[in-house]
Amino acid sequence: MDNKEAIVRDELETNKTNKTNQKIKKTETTKINKTAEAEFKAGQRLFEHWFLSDYLQAERSIKDVD
């Protein structure tokens, strides 16, 4: 009987450890995704700023020629 109890205890501990590891992985994945999303948005804003600045400068140049 003691052997069966030990096996059950080990299985419960293993399940608990696996669930904890899954939660940790999910949390890490969420952090990575949020970081990647923030970096993408920052890059997108930088590109938009660069594009608009370049566009406005070109527009001014055209007005100067006219």
PDB file of N, CA and C in Angstrom:
ATOM      1  N   MET A   1       0.812  -1.188   0.000  1.00  0.00           N
ATOM      2  CA  MET A   1       0.000   0.000   0.000  1.00  0.00           C
ATOM      3  C   MET A   1       0.864   1.264   0.000  1.00  0.00           C
ATOM      4  N   ASP A   2       1.961   1.242   0.722  1.00  0.00           N
ATOM      5  CA  ASP A   2       2.842   2.405   0.781  1.00  0.00           C
ATOM      6  C   ASP A   2       3.418   2.738  -0.586  1.00  0.00           C
ATOM      7  N   ASN A   3       3.719   1.708  -1.359  1.00  0.00           N
ATOM      8  CA  ASN A   3       4.287   1.910  -2.688  1.00  0.00           C
ATOM      9  C   ASN A   3       3.275   2.608  -3.603  1.00  0.00           C
ATOM     10  N   LYS A   4       2.009   2.194  -3.539  1.00  0.00           N
ATOM     11  CA  LYS A   4       0.968   2.818  -4.353  1.00  0.00           C
ATOM     12  C   LYS A   4       0.759   4.267  -3.935  1.00  0.00           C
ATOM     13  N   GLU A   5       0.788   4.527  -2.650  1.00  0.00           N
ATOM     14  CA  GLU A   5       0.635   5.899  -2.155  1.00  0.00           C
ATOM     15  C   GLU A   5       1.783   6.772  -2.634  1.00  0.00           C
ATOM     16  N   ALA A   6       2.979   6.225  -2.629  1.00  0.00           N
ATOM     17  CA  ALA A   6       4.147   6.973  -3.095  1.00  0.00           C
ATOM     18  C   ALA A   6       4.021   7.281  -4.583  1.00  0.00           C
ATOM     19  N   ILE A   7       3.542   6.311  -5.348  1.00  0.00           N
ATOM     20  CA  ILE A   7       3.359   6.519  -6.790  1.00  0.00           C
ATOM     21  C   ILE A   7       2.316   7.607  -7.040  1.00  0.00           C
ATOM     22  N   VAL A   8       1.218   7.549  -6.317  1.00  0.00           N
ATOM     23  CA  VAL A   8       0.162   8.556  -6.469  1.00  0.00           C
ATOM     24  C   VAL A   8       0.687   9.935  -6.086  1.00  0.00           C
ATOM     25  N   ARG A   9       1.423  10.013  -4.982  1.00  0.00           N
ATOM     26  CA  ARG A   9       2.011  11.285  -4.554  1.00  0.00           C
ATOM     27  C   ARG A   9       2.960  11.826  -5.617  1.00  0.00           C
ATOM     28  N   ASP A  10       3.787  10.956  -6.183  1.00  0.00           N
ATOM     29  CA  ASP A  10       4.720  11.372  -7.235  1.00  0.00           C
ATOM     30  C   ASP A  10       3.969  11.891  -8.461  1.00  0.00           C
ATOM     31  N   GLU A  11       2.900  11.191  -8.835  1.00  0.00           N
ATOM     32  CA  GLU A  11       2.115  11.624  -9.992  1.00  0.00           C
ATOM     33  C   GLU A  11       1.457  12.974  -9.740  1.00  0.00           C
ATOM     34  N   LEU A  12       0.930  13.165  -8.547  1.00  0.00           N
ATOM     35  CA  LEU A  12       0.318  14.448  -8.206  1.00  0.00           C
ATOM     36  C   LEU A  12       1.349  15.574  -8.229  1.00  0.00           C
ATOM     37  N   GLU A  13       2.515  15.295  -7.691  1.00  0.00           N
ATOM     38  CA  GLU A  13       3.590  16.297  -7.686  1.00  0.00           C
ATOM     39  C   GLU A  13       4.037  16.611  -9.110  1.00  0.00           C
ATOM     40  N   THR A  14       4.139  15.574  -9.936  1.00  0.00           N
ATOM     41  CA  THR A  14       4.526  15.774 -11.336  1.00  0.00           C
ATOM     42  C   THR A  14       3.483  16.619 -12.062  1.00  0.00           C
ATOM     43  N   ASN A  15       2.209  16.319 -11.854  1.00  0.00           N
ATOM     44  CA  ASN A  15       1.134  17.104 -12.479  1.00  0.00           C
ATOM     45  C   ASN A  15       1.182  18.558 -12.028  1.00  0.00           C
ATOM     46  N   LYS A  16       1.416  18.757 -10.743  1.00  0.00           N
ATOM     47  CA  LYS A  16       1.502  20.115 -10.196  1.00  0.00           C
ATOM     48  C   LYS A  16       2.678  20.863 -10.824  1.00  0.00           C
ATOM     49  N   THR A  17       3.814  20.180 -10.930  1.00  0.00           N
ATOM     50  CA  THR A  17       5.001  20.786 -11.542  1.00  0.00           C
ATOM     51  C   THR A  17       4.743  21.115 -13.005  1.00  0.00           C
ATOM     52  N   ASN A  18       4.114  20.197 -13.727  1.00  0.00           N
ATOM     53  CA  ASN A  18       3.811  20.434 -15.143  1.00  0.00           C
ATOM     54  C   ASN A  18       2.884  21.628 -15.326  1.00  0.00           C
ATOM     55  N   LYS A  19       1.866  21.736 -14.477  1.00  0.00           N
ATOM     56  CA  LYS A  19       0.941  22.870 -14.561  1.00  0.00           C
ATOM     57  C   LYS A  19       1.665  24.181 -14.272  1.00  0.00           C
ATOM     58  N   THR A  20       2.543  24.154 -13.282  1.00  0.00           N
ATOM     59  CA  THR A  20       3.319  25.354 -12.952  1.00  0.00           C
ATOM     60  C   THR A  20       4.207  25.747 -14.123  1.00  0.00           C
ATOM     61  N   ASN A  21       4.873  24.768 -14.720  1.00  0.00           N
ATOM     62  CA  ASN A  21       5.737  25.048 -15.870  1.00  0.00           C
ATOM     63  C   ASN A  21       4.940  25.592 -17.048  1.00  0.00           C
ATOM     64  N   GLN A  22       3.740  25.065 -17.271  1.00  0.00           N
ATOM     65  CA  GLN A  22       2.893  25.564 -18.354  1.00  0.00           C
ATOM     66  C   GLN A  22       2.499  27.018 -18.106  1.00  0.00           C
ATOM     67  N   LYS A  23       2.188  27.354 -16.857  1.00  0.00           N
ATOM     68  CA  LYS A  23       1.832  28.736 -16.520  1.00  0.00           C
ATOM     69  C   LYS A  23       3.023  29.666 -16.746  1.00  0.00           C
ATOM     70  N   ILE A  24       4.210  29.204 -16.363  1.00  0.00           N
ATOM     71  CA  ILE A  24       5.420  30.009 -16.551  1.00  0.00           C
ATOM     72  C   ILE A  24       5.665  30.243 -18.036  1.00  0.00           C
ATOM     73  N   LYS A  25       5.556  29.185 -18.834  1.00  0.00           N
ATOM     74  CA  LYS A  25       5.766  29.318 -20.279  1.00  0.00           C
ATOM     75  C   LYS A  25       4.743  30.263 -20.894  1.00  0.00           C
ATOM     76  N   LYS A  26       3.486  30.157 -20.464  1.00  0.00           N
ATOM     77  CA  LYS A  26       2.438  31.028 -20.992  1.00  0.00           C
ATOM     78  C   LYS A  26       2.735  32.482 -20.638  1.00  0.00           C
ATOM     79  N   THR A  27       3.168  32.722 -19.407  1.00  0.00           N
ATOM     80  CA  THR A  27       3.504  34.076 -18.974  1.00  0.00           C
ATOM     81  C   THR A  27       4.676  34.623 -19.776  1.00  0.00           C
ATOM     82  N   GLU A  28       5.704  33.798 -19.980  1.00  0.00           N
ATOM     83  CA  GLU A  28       6.870  34.228 -20.753  1.00  0.00           C
ATOM     84  C   GLU A  28       6.482  34.529 -22.192  1.00  0.00           C
ATOM     85  N   THR A  29       5.642  33.684 -22.781  1.00  0.00           N
ATOM     86  CA  THR A  29       5.192  33.901 -24.154  1.00  0.00           C
ATOM     87  C   THR A  29       4.397  35.195 -24.256  1.00  0.00           C
ATOM     88  N   THR A  30       3.546  35.443 -23.287  1.00  0.00           N
ATOM     89  CA  THR A  30       2.755  36.673 -23.276  1.00  0.00           C
ATOM     90  C   THR A  30       3.668  37.890 -23.193  1.00  0.00           C
ATOM     91  N   LYS A  31       4.683  37.829 -22.335  1.00  0.00           N
ATOM     92  CA  LYS A  31       5.629  38.947 -22.208  1.00  0.00           C
ATOM     93  C   LYS A  31       6.372  39.175 -23.517  1.00  0.00           C
ATOM     94  N   ILE A  32       6.812  38.098 -24.148  1.00  0.00           N
ATOM     95  CA  ILE A  32       7.534  38.206 -25.420  1.00  0.00           C
ATOM     96  C   ILE A  32       6.629  38.818 -26.482  1.00  0.00           C
ATOM     97  N   ASN A  33       5.388  38.354 -26.558  1.00  0.00           N
ATOM     98  CA  ASN A  33       4.449  38.881 -27.549  1.00  0.00           C
ATOM     99  C   ASN A  33       4.163  40.360 -27.321  1.00  0.00           C
ATOM    100  N   LYS A  34       3.992  40.752 -26.059  1.00  0.00           N
ATOM    101  CA  LYS A  34       3.727  42.163 -25.759  1.00  0.00           C
ATOM    102  C   LYS A  34       4.933  43.027 -26.106  1.00  0.00           C
ATOM    103  N   THR A  35       6.132  42.518 -25.831  1.00  0.00           N
ATOM    104  CA  THR A  35       7.347  43.256 -26.170  1.00  0.00           C
ATOM    105  C   THR A  35       7.477  43.401 -27.676  1.00  0.00           C
ATOM    106  N   ALA A  36       7.247  42.320 -28.399  1.00  0.00           N
ATOM    107  CA  ALA A  36       7.340  42.361 -29.861  1.00  0.00           C
ATOM    108  C   ALA A  36       6.308  43.326 -30.438  1.00  0.00           C
ATOM    109  N   GLU A  37       5.112  43.316 -29.884  1.00  0.00           N
ATOM    110  CA  GLU A  37       4.061  44.212 -30.355  1.00  0.00           C
ATOM    111  C   GLU A  37       4.445  45.670 -30.100  1.00  0.00           C
ATOM    112  N   ALA A  38       4.996  45.952 -28.934  1.00  0.00           N
ATOM    113  CA  ALA A  38       5.417  47.318 -28.603  1.00  0.00           C
ATOM    114  C   ALA A  38       6.547  47.772 -29.519  1.00  0.00           C
ATOM    115  N   GLU A  39       7.506  46.881 -29.787  1.00  0.00           N
ATOM    116  CA  GLU A  39       8.609  47.224 -30.684  1.00  0.00           C
ATOM    117  C   GLU A  39       8.101  47.469 -32.100  1.00  0.00           C
ATOM    118  N   PHE A  40       7.159  46.660 -32.548  1.00  0.00           N
ATOM    119  CA  PHE A  40       6.586  46.843 -33.881  1.00  0.00           C
ATOM    120  C   PHE A  40       5.885  48.189 -33.985  1.00  0.00           C
ATOM    121  N   LYS A  41       5.081  48.521 -32.971  1.00  0.00           N
ATOM    122  CA  LYS A  41       4.356  49.791 -32.991  1.00  0.00           C
ATOM    123  C   LYS A  41       5.316  50.976 -32.970  1.00  0.00           C
ATOM    124  N   ALA A  42       6.388  50.857 -32.200  1.00  0.00           N
ATOM    125  CA  ALA A  42       7.383  51.933 -32.156  1.00  0.00           C
ATOM    126  C   ALA A  42       8.041  52.091 -33.521  1.00  0.00           C
ATOM    127  N   GLY A  43       8.376  50.988 -34.150  1.00  0.00           N
ATOM    128  CA  GLY A  43       8.965  51.026 -35.489  1.00  0.00           C
ATOM    129  C   GLY A  43       7.999  51.603 -36.500  1.00  0.00           C
ATOM    130  N   GLN A  44       6.747  51.256 -36.363  1.00  0.00           N
ATOM    131  CA  GLN A  44       5.721  51.764 -37.271  1.00  0.00           C
ATOM    132  C   GLN A  44       5.583  53.280 -37.117  1.00  0.00           C
ATOM    133  N   ARG A  45       5.574  53.756 -35.875  1.00  0.00           N
ATOM    134  CA  ARG A  45       5.489  55.208 -35.643  1.00  0.00           C
ATOM    135  C   ARG A  45       6.709  55.925 -36.208  1.00  0.00           C
ATOM    136  N   LEU A  46       7.878  55.322 -36.029  1.00  0.00           N
ATOM    137  CA  LEU A  46       9.101  55.920 -36.561  1.00  0.00           C
ATOM    138  C   LEU A  46       9.034  56.004 -38.080  1.00  0.00           C
ATOM    139  N   PHE A  47       8.582  54.924 -38.718  1.00  0.00           N
ATOM    140  CA  PHE A  47       8.459  54.922 -40.173  1.00  0.00           C
ATOM    141  C   PHE A  47       7.465  55.978 -40.632  1.00  0.00           C
ATOM    142  N   GLU A  48       6.304  56.051 -39.954  1.00  0.00           N
ATOM    143  CA  GLU A  48       5.299  57.046 -40.327  1.00  0.00           C
ATOM    144  C   GLU A  48       5.856  58.456 -40.184  1.00  0.00           C
ATOM    145  N   HIS A  49       6.584  58.707 -39.122  1.00  0.00           N
ATOM    146  CA  HIS A  49       7.191  60.026 -38.915  1.00  0.00           C
ATOM    147  C   HIS A  49       8.184  60.332 -40.033  1.00  0.00           C
ATOM    148  N   TRP A  50       9.035  59.353 -40.341  1.00  0.00           N
ATOM    149  CA  TRP A  50      10.029  59.535 -41.398  1.00  0.00           C
ATOM    150  C   TRP A  50       9.339  59.772 -42.739  1.00  0.00           C
ATOM    151  N   PHE A  51       8.328  58.958 -43.044  1.00  0.00           N
ATOM    152  CA  PHE A  51       7.628  59.070 -44.315  1.00  0.00           C
ATOM    153  C   PHE A  51       6.940  60.423 -44.438  1.00  0.00           C
ATOM    154  N   LEU A  52       6.230  60.840 -43.383  1.00  0.00           N
ATOM    155  CA  LEU A  52       5.528  62.118 -43.432  1.00  0.00           C
ATOM    156  C   LEU A  52       6.502  63.285 -43.531  1.00  0.00           C
ATOM    157  N   SER A  53       7.615  63.209 -42.819  1.00  0.00           N
ATOM    158  CA  SER A  53       8.620  64.270 -42.896  1.00  0.00           C
ATOM    159  C   SER A  53       9.160  64.377 -44.310  1.00  0.00           C
ATOM    160  N   ASP A  54       9.469  63.235 -44.908  1.00  0.00           N
ATOM    161  CA  ASP A  54       9.993  63.199 -46.276  1.00  0.00           C
ATOM    162  C   ASP A  54       8.943  63.726 -47.253  1.00  0.00           C
ATOM    163  N   TYR A  55       7.700  63.332 -47.060  1.00  0.00           N
ATOM    164  CA  TYR A  55       6.603  63.762 -47.933  1.00  0.00           C
ATOM    165  C   TYR A  55       6.409  65.274 -47.839  1.00  0.00           C
ATOM    166  N   LEU A  56       6.390  65.789 -46.614  1.00  0.00           N
ATOM    167  CA  LEU A  56       6.196  67.230 -46.438  1.00  0.00           C
ATOM    168  C   LEU A  56       7.364  68.026 -47.010  1.00  0.00           C
ATOM    169  N   GLN A  57       8.566  67.491 -46.856  1.00  0.00           N
ATOM    170  CA  GLN A  57       9.738  68.164 -47.421  1.00  0.00           C
ATOM    171  C   GLN A  57       9.634  68.189 -48.946  1.00  0.00           C
ATOM    172  N   ALA A  58       9.202  67.108 -49.545  1.00  0.00           N
ATOM    173  CA  ALA A  58       9.037  67.056 -51.000  1.00  0.00           C
ATOM    174  C   ALA A  58       7.952  68.031 -51.437  1.00  0.00           C
ATOM    175  N   GLU A  59       6.892  68.128 -50.670  1.00  0.00           N
ATOM    176  CA  GLU A  59       5.809  69.056 -50.989  1.00  0.00           C
ATOM    177  C   GLU A  59       6.308  70.505 -50.946  1.00  0.00           C
ATOM    178  N   ARG A  60       7.123  70.817 -49.944  1.00  0.00           N
ATOM    179  CA  ARG A  60       7.691  72.170 -49.839  1.00  0.00           C
ATOM    180  C   ARG A  60       8.606  72.457 -51.022  1.00  0.00           C
ATOM    181  N   SER A  61       9.379  71.459 -51.418  1.00  0.00           N
ATOM    182  CA  SER A  61      10.286  71.640 -52.555  1.00  0.00           C
ATOM    183  C   SER A  61       9.500  71.928 -53.823  1.00  0.00           C
ATOM    184  N   ILE A  62       8.382  71.241 -54.004  1.00  0.00           N
ATOM    185  CA  ILE A  62       7.550  71.470 -55.188  1.00  0.00           C
ATOM    186  C   ILE A  62       6.985  72.884 -55.154  1.00  0.00           C
ATOM    187  N   LYS A  63       6.541  73.339 -53.985  1.00  0.00           N
ATOM    188  CA  LYS A  63       5.999  74.696 -53.864  1.00  0.00           C
ATOM    189  C   LYS A  63       7.078  75.738 -54.141  1.00  0.00           C
ATOM    190  N   ASP A  64       8.319  75.461 -53.710  1.00  0.00           N
ATOM    191  CA  ASP A  64       9.424  76.387 -53.947  1.00  0.00           C
ATOM    192  C   ASP A  64       9.714  76.512 -55.433  1.00  0.00           C
ATOM    193  N   VAL A  65       9.574  75.429 -56.178  1.00  0.00           N
ATOM    194  CA  VAL A  65       9.837  75.441 -57.618  1.00  0.00           C
ATOM    195  C   VAL A  65       8.744  76.216 -58.335  1.00  0.00           C
ATOM    196  N   ASP A  66       7.505  76.058 -57.884  1.00  0.00           N
ATOM    197  CA  ASP A  66       6.379  76.773 -58.517  1.00  0.00           C
ATOM    198  C   ASP A  66       6.563  78.240 -58.258  1.00  0.00           C
TER     199      ASP A  66
END
